Amino acid sequence: MNGRYIVWLGLAVGLLAGCSEPQYALPDRSTAAVQAEEQRLAALLPGELVSGPGTCKVRLLGQEGSSSFAWAQCEGAPDPGVASAVSMPVRVDGDRVTRPLDGSEYSASVKRIFPGRLAEAVLNDPDGLHP
C-alpha cells in the first residue's frame, strides 16, 4: 500500500470517529444513590407492569429533576401456572410510571417520554441498556 493512502485513510477514520457522538453515559451503579433508586423502582414496578405477584430487575438509565428513567425486566404470575413478562424502558415521576406505546407509536412515544440523547439510546441500542 502507498504510504500516503495509509495516512489519508487514518485521517478519515479519525475524523469520522471524532464526529460521531459518544455512547450514552449510564449512571454508575456502584454509588449508593443509584443502588437505592434501582431498589425503589424494582419494588414499585411489578405492580405497574405485570399482573399478579411479580419481580423486576431494573437498570437506572438517568435522572432529570424528579424523574427517573430506567429499563425494567419484569416477570409476574397472574394465575397459577401462568407467567407474564415484560422488558421495556420506563419513566417514573414519584410513583407515576409512564411507558412507551406499542407498535408504530413506539418511537414517537419514546421521544416524548425520554430526554433527547437517552431517547436515541433507547431506540438505537436497547440491548446495551438492559439490567
N, C-alpha and C. Protein backbone atom coordinates (compact mmCIF):
# COMPACT_ATOMS: atom_id res chain seq x y z
N MET A 1 0.84 -1.18 0.00
CA MET A 1 0.00 0.00 0.00
C MET A 1 0.87 1.24 0.00
N ASN A 2 0.39 2.23 -0.64
CA ASN A 2 1.06 3.51 -0.72
C ASN A 2 1.02 4.18 0.65
N GLY A 3 2.12 4.76 1.09
CA GLY A 3 2.20 5.41 2.40
C GLY A 3 1.21 6.56 2.54
N ARG A 4 1.01 7.33 1.45
CA ARG A 4 0.05 8.44 1.50
C ARG A 4 -1.37 7.93 1.69
N TYR A 5 -1.69 6.83 1.04
CA TYR A 5 -3.03 6.25 1.18
C TYR A 5 -3.30 5.87 2.63
N ILE A 6 -2.31 5.29 3.30
CA ILE A 6 -2.48 4.88 4.69
C ILE A 6 -2.69 6.11 5.58
N VAL A 7 -1.94 7.18 5.31
CA VAL A 7 -2.10 8.41 6.09
C VAL A 7 -3.50 8.98 5.89
N TRP A 8 -3.96 9.05 4.64
CA TRP A 8 -5.31 9.59 4.35
C TRP A 8 -6.40 8.71 4.97
N LEU A 9 -6.21 7.42 4.89
CA LEU A 9 -7.18 6.50 5.49
C LEU A 9 -7.22 6.70 7.00
N GLY A 10 -6.07 6.84 7.63
CA GLY A 10 -6.02 7.08 9.07
C GLY A 10 -6.69 8.38 9.45
N LEU A 11 -6.47 9.43 8.67
CA LEU A 11 -7.11 10.72 8.93
C LEU A 11 -8.63 10.62 8.78
N ALA A 12 -9.08 9.92 7.74
CA ALA A 12 -10.52 9.78 7.52
C ALA A 12 -11.18 9.03 8.66
N VAL A 13 -10.57 7.95 9.10
CA VAL A 13 -11.12 7.18 10.22
C VAL A 13 -11.15 8.03 11.48
N GLY A 14 -10.07 8.77 11.72
CA GLY A 14 -10.01 9.64 12.89
C GLY A 14 -11.07 10.72 12.87
N LEU A 15 -11.29 11.33 11.70
CA LEU A 15 -12.32 12.36 11.58
C LEU A 15 -13.71 11.79 11.80
N LEU A 16 -13.98 10.63 11.23
CA LEU A 16 -15.29 10.01 11.42
C LEU A 16 -15.52 9.65 12.88
N ALA A 17 -14.53 9.12 13.52
CA ALA A 17 -14.67 8.76 14.93
C ALA A 17 -14.85 10.01 15.78
N GLY A 18 -14.17 11.09 15.44
CA GLY A 18 -14.30 12.33 16.18
C GLY A 18 -15.65 12.98 16.00
N CYS A 19 -16.30 12.77 14.87
CA CYS A 19 -17.59 13.38 14.59
C CYS A 19 -18.76 12.62 15.19
N SER A 20 -18.55 11.34 15.45
CA SER A 20 -19.67 10.56 16.00
C SER A 20 -19.86 10.91 17.47
N GLU A 21 -21.10 10.86 17.91
CA GLU A 21 -21.40 11.19 19.30
C GLU A 21 -20.98 10.05 20.20
N PRO A 22 -20.51 10.36 21.39
CA PRO A 22 -20.14 9.29 22.31
C PRO A 22 -21.37 8.52 22.75
N GLN A 23 -21.14 7.28 23.17
CA GLN A 23 -22.23 6.44 23.66
C GLN A 23 -22.86 7.10 24.88
N TYR A 24 -24.16 6.90 25.07
CA TYR A 24 -24.86 7.48 26.21
C TYR A 24 -24.23 6.97 27.50
N ALA A 25 -23.89 7.88 28.41
CA ALA A 25 -23.25 7.51 29.68
C ALA A 25 -24.30 7.14 30.72
N LEU A 26 -24.27 5.89 31.14
CA LEU A 26 -25.19 5.40 32.17
C LEU A 26 -24.68 5.77 33.56
N PRO A 27 -25.60 5.93 34.52
CA PRO A 27 -25.17 6.22 35.89
C PRO A 27 -24.31 5.09 36.46
N ASP A 28 -23.43 5.44 37.35
CA ASP A 28 -22.52 4.49 38.00
C ASP A 28 -23.29 3.67 39.03
N ARG A 29 -23.46 2.39 38.76
CA ARG A 29 -24.25 1.52 39.63
C ARG A 29 -23.58 1.22 40.96
N SER A 30 -22.33 1.61 41.13
CA SER A 30 -21.65 1.33 42.40
C SER A 30 -21.97 2.39 43.45
N THR A 31 -22.64 3.48 43.08
CA THR A 31 -22.95 4.52 44.06
C THR A 31 -24.20 4.16 44.85
N ALA A 32 -24.22 4.59 46.10
CA ALA A 32 -25.35 4.28 46.98
C ALA A 32 -26.64 4.89 46.46
N ALA A 33 -26.58 6.08 45.89
CA ALA A 33 -27.79 6.75 45.39
C ALA A 33 -28.41 5.99 44.23
N VAL A 34 -27.60 5.50 43.30
CA VAL A 34 -28.10 4.73 42.16
C VAL A 34 -28.67 3.41 42.65
N GLN A 35 -27.98 2.74 43.55
CA GLN A 35 -28.47 1.47 44.08
C GLN A 35 -29.80 1.65 44.80
N ALA A 36 -29.93 2.72 45.56
CA ALA A 36 -31.18 2.98 46.29
C ALA A 36 -32.32 3.24 45.32
N GLU A 37 -32.07 3.99 44.26
CA GLU A 37 -33.14 4.29 43.30
C GLU A 37 -33.53 3.03 42.52
N GLU A 38 -32.56 2.21 42.16
CA GLU A 38 -32.88 0.96 41.47
C GLU A 38 -33.72 0.05 42.37
N GLN A 39 -33.41 0.00 43.66
CA GLN A 39 -34.19 -0.81 44.59
C GLN A 39 -35.61 -0.26 44.72
N ARG A 40 -35.75 1.07 44.79
CA ARG A 40 -37.08 1.68 44.88
C ARG A 40 -37.91 1.34 43.64
N LEU A 41 -37.29 1.46 42.47
CA LEU A 41 -38.01 1.17 41.23
C LEU A 41 -38.35 -0.31 41.12
N ALA A 42 -37.43 -1.18 41.53
CA ALA A 42 -37.68 -2.63 41.48
C ALA A 42 -38.86 -3.01 42.36
N ALA A 43 -39.05 -2.30 43.46
CA ALA A 43 -40.19 -2.57 44.34
C ALA A 43 -41.49 -1.99 43.78
N LEU A 44 -41.42 -0.85 43.11
CA LEU A 44 -42.60 -0.17 42.58
C LEU A 44 -43.14 -0.80 41.29
N LEU A 45 -42.26 -1.17 40.39
CA LEU A 45 -42.66 -1.51 39.03
C LEU A 45 -43.45 -2.80 38.84
N PRO A 46 -43.24 -3.87 39.62
CA PRO A 46 -44.06 -5.07 39.36
C PRO A 46 -45.56 -4.79 39.39
N GLY A 47 -46.02 -3.99 40.33
CA GLY A 47 -47.44 -3.68 40.42
C GLY A 47 -47.94 -2.84 39.26
N GLU A 48 -47.03 -2.17 38.56
CA GLU A 48 -47.40 -1.31 37.44
C GLU A 48 -47.27 -2.01 36.08
N LEU A 49 -46.38 -3.00 35.98
CA LEU A 49 -46.06 -3.55 34.67
C LEU A 49 -46.50 -4.98 34.42
N VAL A 50 -46.73 -5.77 35.48
CA VAL A 50 -47.15 -7.16 35.29
C VAL A 50 -48.35 -7.46 36.18
N SER A 51 -49.10 -8.48 35.80
CA SER A 51 -50.27 -8.89 36.58
C SER A 51 -49.86 -9.87 37.66
N GLY A 52 -50.53 -9.77 38.79
CA GLY A 52 -50.26 -10.69 39.89
C GLY A 52 -48.95 -10.38 40.56
N PRO A 53 -48.52 -11.26 41.46
CA PRO A 53 -47.24 -11.05 42.13
C PRO A 53 -46.11 -11.10 41.10
N GLY A 54 -45.12 -10.26 41.28
CA GLY A 54 -44.04 -10.25 40.32
C GLY A 54 -42.77 -9.65 40.88
N THR A 55 -41.72 -9.71 40.08
CA THR A 55 -40.43 -9.14 40.42
C THR A 55 -39.88 -8.41 39.20
N CYS A 56 -39.04 -7.41 39.44
CA CYS A 56 -38.40 -6.68 38.36
C CYS A 56 -36.91 -6.53 38.62
N LYS A 57 -36.14 -6.65 37.56
CA LYS A 57 -34.75 -6.24 37.56
C LYS A 57 -34.76 -4.87 36.89
N VAL A 58 -34.00 -3.93 37.43
CA VAL A 58 -34.05 -2.56 36.94
C VAL A 58 -32.65 -2.03 36.71
N ARG A 59 -32.48 -1.28 35.62
CA ARG A 59 -31.24 -0.56 35.34
C ARG A 59 -31.59 0.92 35.25
N LEU A 60 -31.11 1.72 36.18
CA LEU A 60 -31.33 3.16 36.12
C LEU A 60 -30.55 3.72 34.94
N LEU A 61 -31.26 4.43 34.06
CA LEU A 61 -30.64 5.00 32.87
C LEU A 61 -30.28 6.46 33.05
N GLY A 62 -30.93 7.10 34.00
CA GLY A 62 -30.64 8.51 34.25
C GLY A 62 -31.73 9.13 35.09
N GLN A 63 -31.45 10.35 35.52
CA GLN A 63 -32.42 11.12 36.30
C GLN A 63 -32.36 12.57 35.82
N GLU A 64 -33.51 13.20 35.86
CA GLU A 64 -33.61 14.61 35.49
C GLU A 64 -34.67 15.24 36.38
N GLY A 65 -34.26 16.13 37.24
CA GLY A 65 -35.21 16.69 38.20
C GLY A 65 -35.75 15.58 39.08
N SER A 66 -37.07 15.49 39.17
CA SER A 66 -37.69 14.45 40.00
C SER A 66 -38.05 13.20 39.18
N SER A 67 -37.60 13.14 37.94
CA SER A 67 -37.89 11.99 37.06
C SER A 67 -36.73 11.01 37.03
N SER A 68 -37.07 9.74 37.08
CA SER A 68 -36.08 8.66 36.90
C SER A 68 -36.42 7.93 35.63
N PHE A 69 -35.39 7.55 34.89
CA PHE A 69 -35.55 6.81 33.65
C PHE A 69 -34.84 5.48 33.83
N ALA A 70 -35.52 4.39 33.49
CA ALA A 70 -34.96 3.07 33.75
C ALA A 70 -35.38 2.08 32.67
N TRP A 71 -34.67 0.97 32.64
CA TRP A 71 -35.09 -0.19 31.84
C TRP A 71 -35.49 -1.25 32.85
N ALA A 72 -36.70 -1.78 32.68
CA ALA A 72 -37.23 -2.79 33.60
C ALA A 72 -37.45 -4.11 32.87
N GLN A 73 -37.04 -5.19 33.50
CA GLN A 73 -37.34 -6.54 33.04
C GLN A 73 -38.11 -7.19 34.17
N CYS A 74 -39.41 -7.41 33.93
CA CYS A 74 -40.29 -7.89 35.00
C CYS A 74 -40.95 -9.20 34.62
N GLU A 75 -41.19 -10.01 35.64
CA GLU A 75 -41.91 -11.27 35.48
C GLU A 75 -43.02 -11.31 36.51
N GLY A 76 -44.17 -11.80 36.10
CA GLY A 76 -45.30 -11.91 37.01
C GLY A 76 -46.00 -13.24 36.85
N ALA A 77 -46.91 -13.52 37.77
CA ALA A 77 -47.67 -14.76 37.75
C ALA A 77 -49.12 -14.42 38.08
N PRO A 78 -49.91 -14.02 37.07
CA PRO A 78 -51.29 -13.63 37.34
C PRO A 78 -52.15 -14.77 37.87
N ASP A 79 -51.87 -15.98 37.45
CA ASP A 79 -52.59 -17.17 37.89
C ASP A 79 -51.61 -18.32 38.04
N PRO A 80 -51.93 -19.32 38.87
CA PRO A 80 -51.04 -20.48 38.99
C PRO A 80 -50.80 -21.12 37.62
N GLY A 81 -49.55 -21.36 37.31
CA GLY A 81 -49.19 -21.97 36.04
C GLY A 81 -49.15 -21.01 34.87
N VAL A 82 -49.45 -19.74 35.10
CA VAL A 82 -49.43 -18.74 34.03
C VAL A 82 -48.36 -17.71 34.37
N ALA A 83 -47.50 -17.42 33.41
CA ALA A 83 -46.44 -16.44 33.63
C ALA A 83 -46.59 -15.31 32.63
N SER A 84 -46.16 -14.13 33.04
CA SER A 84 -46.11 -12.99 32.13
C SER A 84 -44.77 -12.30 32.33
N ALA A 85 -44.28 -11.69 31.27
CA ALA A 85 -43.00 -11.00 31.35
C ALA A 85 -43.03 -9.78 30.45
N VAL A 86 -42.24 -8.79 30.83
CA VAL A 86 -42.14 -7.57 30.04
C VAL A 86 -40.72 -7.01 30.20
N SER A 87 -40.19 -6.44 29.14
CA SER A 87 -38.91 -5.77 29.17
C SER A 87 -39.10 -4.45 28.42
N MET A 88 -38.91 -3.32 29.14
CA MET A 88 -39.19 -2.04 28.50
C MET A 88 -38.55 -0.88 29.26
N PRO A 89 -38.34 0.22 28.54
CA PRO A 89 -37.90 1.44 29.22
C PRO A 89 -39.11 2.11 29.86
N VAL A 90 -38.88 2.77 30.99
CA VAL A 90 -39.96 3.47 31.69
C VAL A 90 -39.45 4.80 32.24
N ARG A 91 -40.39 5.70 32.43
CA ARG A 91 -40.14 6.96 33.12
C ARG A 91 -40.95 6.92 34.40
N VAL A 92 -40.34 7.29 35.52
CA VAL A 92 -41.04 7.27 36.79
C VAL A 92 -40.92 8.65 37.43
N ASP A 93 -42.08 9.25 37.68
CA ASP A 93 -42.17 10.53 38.36
C ASP A 93 -42.86 10.27 39.69
N GLY A 94 -42.07 10.19 40.76
CA GLY A 94 -42.63 9.79 42.05
C GLY A 94 -43.06 8.35 41.98
N ASP A 95 -44.37 8.11 42.05
CA ASP A 95 -44.93 6.76 41.91
C ASP A 95 -45.66 6.57 40.59
N ARG A 96 -45.64 7.58 39.74
CA ARG A 96 -46.34 7.50 38.45
C ARG A 96 -45.39 6.96 37.38
N VAL A 97 -45.81 5.87 36.74
CA VAL A 97 -44.99 5.19 35.75
C VAL A 97 -45.56 5.48 34.36
N THR A 98 -44.68 5.92 33.46
CA THR A 98 -45.05 6.15 32.07
C THR A 98 -44.22 5.21 31.21
N ARG A 99 -44.92 4.48 30.34
CA ARG A 99 -44.22 3.56 29.45
C ARG A 99 -44.52 3.91 28.00
N PRO A 100 -43.63 3.54 27.10
CA PRO A 100 -43.87 3.84 25.68
C PRO A 100 -45.07 3.07 25.14
N LEU A 101 -45.65 3.61 24.10
CA LEU A 101 -46.74 2.93 23.41
C LEU A 101 -46.17 1.81 22.56
N ASP A 102 -47.03 0.90 22.13
CA ASP A 102 -46.61 -0.23 21.31
C ASP A 102 -46.65 0.10 19.82
N GLY A 103 -46.08 -0.81 19.05
CA GLY A 103 -46.19 -0.78 17.60
C GLY A 103 -45.65 0.48 16.95
N SER A 104 -46.40 1.00 16.01
CA SER A 104 -45.93 2.14 15.21
C SER A 104 -45.80 3.42 16.04
N GLU A 105 -46.38 3.45 17.23
CA GLU A 105 -46.29 4.63 18.10
C GLU A 105 -45.08 4.59 19.03
N TYR A 106 -44.34 3.48 19.02
CA TYR A 106 -43.24 3.30 19.97
C TYR A 106 -42.20 4.42 19.87
N SER A 107 -41.64 4.64 18.69
CA SER A 107 -40.57 5.62 18.53
C SER A 107 -41.00 7.02 18.96
N ALA A 108 -42.14 7.46 18.49
CA ALA A 108 -42.61 8.80 18.84
C ALA A 108 -42.84 8.93 20.35
N SER A 109 -43.39 7.89 20.98
CA SER A 109 -43.64 7.98 22.41
C SER A 109 -42.34 7.96 23.21
N VAL A 110 -41.34 7.21 22.77
CA VAL A 110 -40.04 7.22 23.43
C VAL A 110 -39.45 8.63 23.38
N LYS A 111 -39.57 9.28 22.24
CA LYS A 111 -39.04 10.64 22.09
C LYS A 111 -39.78 11.65 22.96
N ARG A 112 -41.04 11.40 23.25
CA ARG A 112 -41.81 12.28 24.15
C ARG A 112 -41.47 12.03 25.62
N ILE A 113 -41.22 10.79 25.97
CA ILE A 113 -41.05 10.39 27.37
C ILE A 113 -39.64 10.65 27.89
N PHE A 114 -38.63 10.43 27.05
CA PHE A 114 -37.24 10.48 27.48
C PHE A 114 -36.51 11.70 26.92
N PRO A 115 -35.49 12.20 27.66
CA PRO A 115 -34.67 13.29 27.14
C PRO A 115 -33.96 12.85 25.85
N GLY A 116 -33.61 13.81 25.00
CA GLY A 116 -33.07 13.56 23.66
C GLY A 116 -32.05 12.46 23.50
N ARG A 117 -30.89 12.56 24.15
CA ARG A 117 -29.84 11.56 23.95
C ARG A 117 -30.23 10.21 24.51
N LEU A 118 -30.99 10.20 25.61
CA LEU A 118 -31.45 8.94 26.17
C LEU A 118 -32.48 8.30 25.25
N ALA A 119 -33.36 9.09 24.68
CA ALA A 119 -34.34 8.55 23.73
C ALA A 119 -33.62 7.89 22.55
N GLU A 120 -32.59 8.53 22.05
CA GLU A 120 -31.83 7.95 20.94
C GLU A 120 -31.16 6.65 21.35
N ALA A 121 -30.63 6.58 22.57
CA ALA A 121 -30.01 5.34 23.06
C ALA A 121 -31.06 4.23 23.18
N VAL A 122 -32.25 4.57 23.69
CA VAL A 122 -33.33 3.58 23.82
C VAL A 122 -33.71 3.04 22.45
N LEU A 123 -33.77 3.90 21.46
CA LEU A 123 -34.18 3.48 20.12
C LEU A 123 -33.07 2.77 19.36
N ASN A 124 -31.82 3.18 19.56
CA ASN A 124 -30.73 2.66 18.75
C ASN A 124 -29.89 1.57 19.41
N ASP A 125 -29.89 1.48 20.74
CA ASP A 125 -29.08 0.49 21.43
C ASP A 125 -29.81 -0.06 22.65
N PRO A 126 -31.03 -0.57 22.48
CA PRO A 126 -31.77 -1.04 23.66
C PRO A 126 -31.08 -2.16 24.41
N ASP A 127 -30.39 -3.06 23.72
CA ASP A 127 -29.73 -4.18 24.38
C ASP A 127 -28.64 -3.72 25.34
N GLY A 128 -28.03 -2.57 25.06
CA GLY A 128 -26.99 -2.05 25.93
C GLY A 128 -27.53 -1.39 27.19
N LEU A 129 -28.86 -1.31 27.32
CA LEU A 129 -29.48 -0.63 28.45
C LEU A 129 -30.16 -1.58 29.43
N HIS A 130 -30.23 -2.84 29.11
CA HIS A 130 -30.94 -3.80 29.96
C HIS A 130 -30.20 -4.00 31.28
N PRO A 131 -30.97 -4.38 32.33
CA PRO A 131 -30.34 -4.64 33.63
C PRO A 131 -29.35 -5.81 33.56
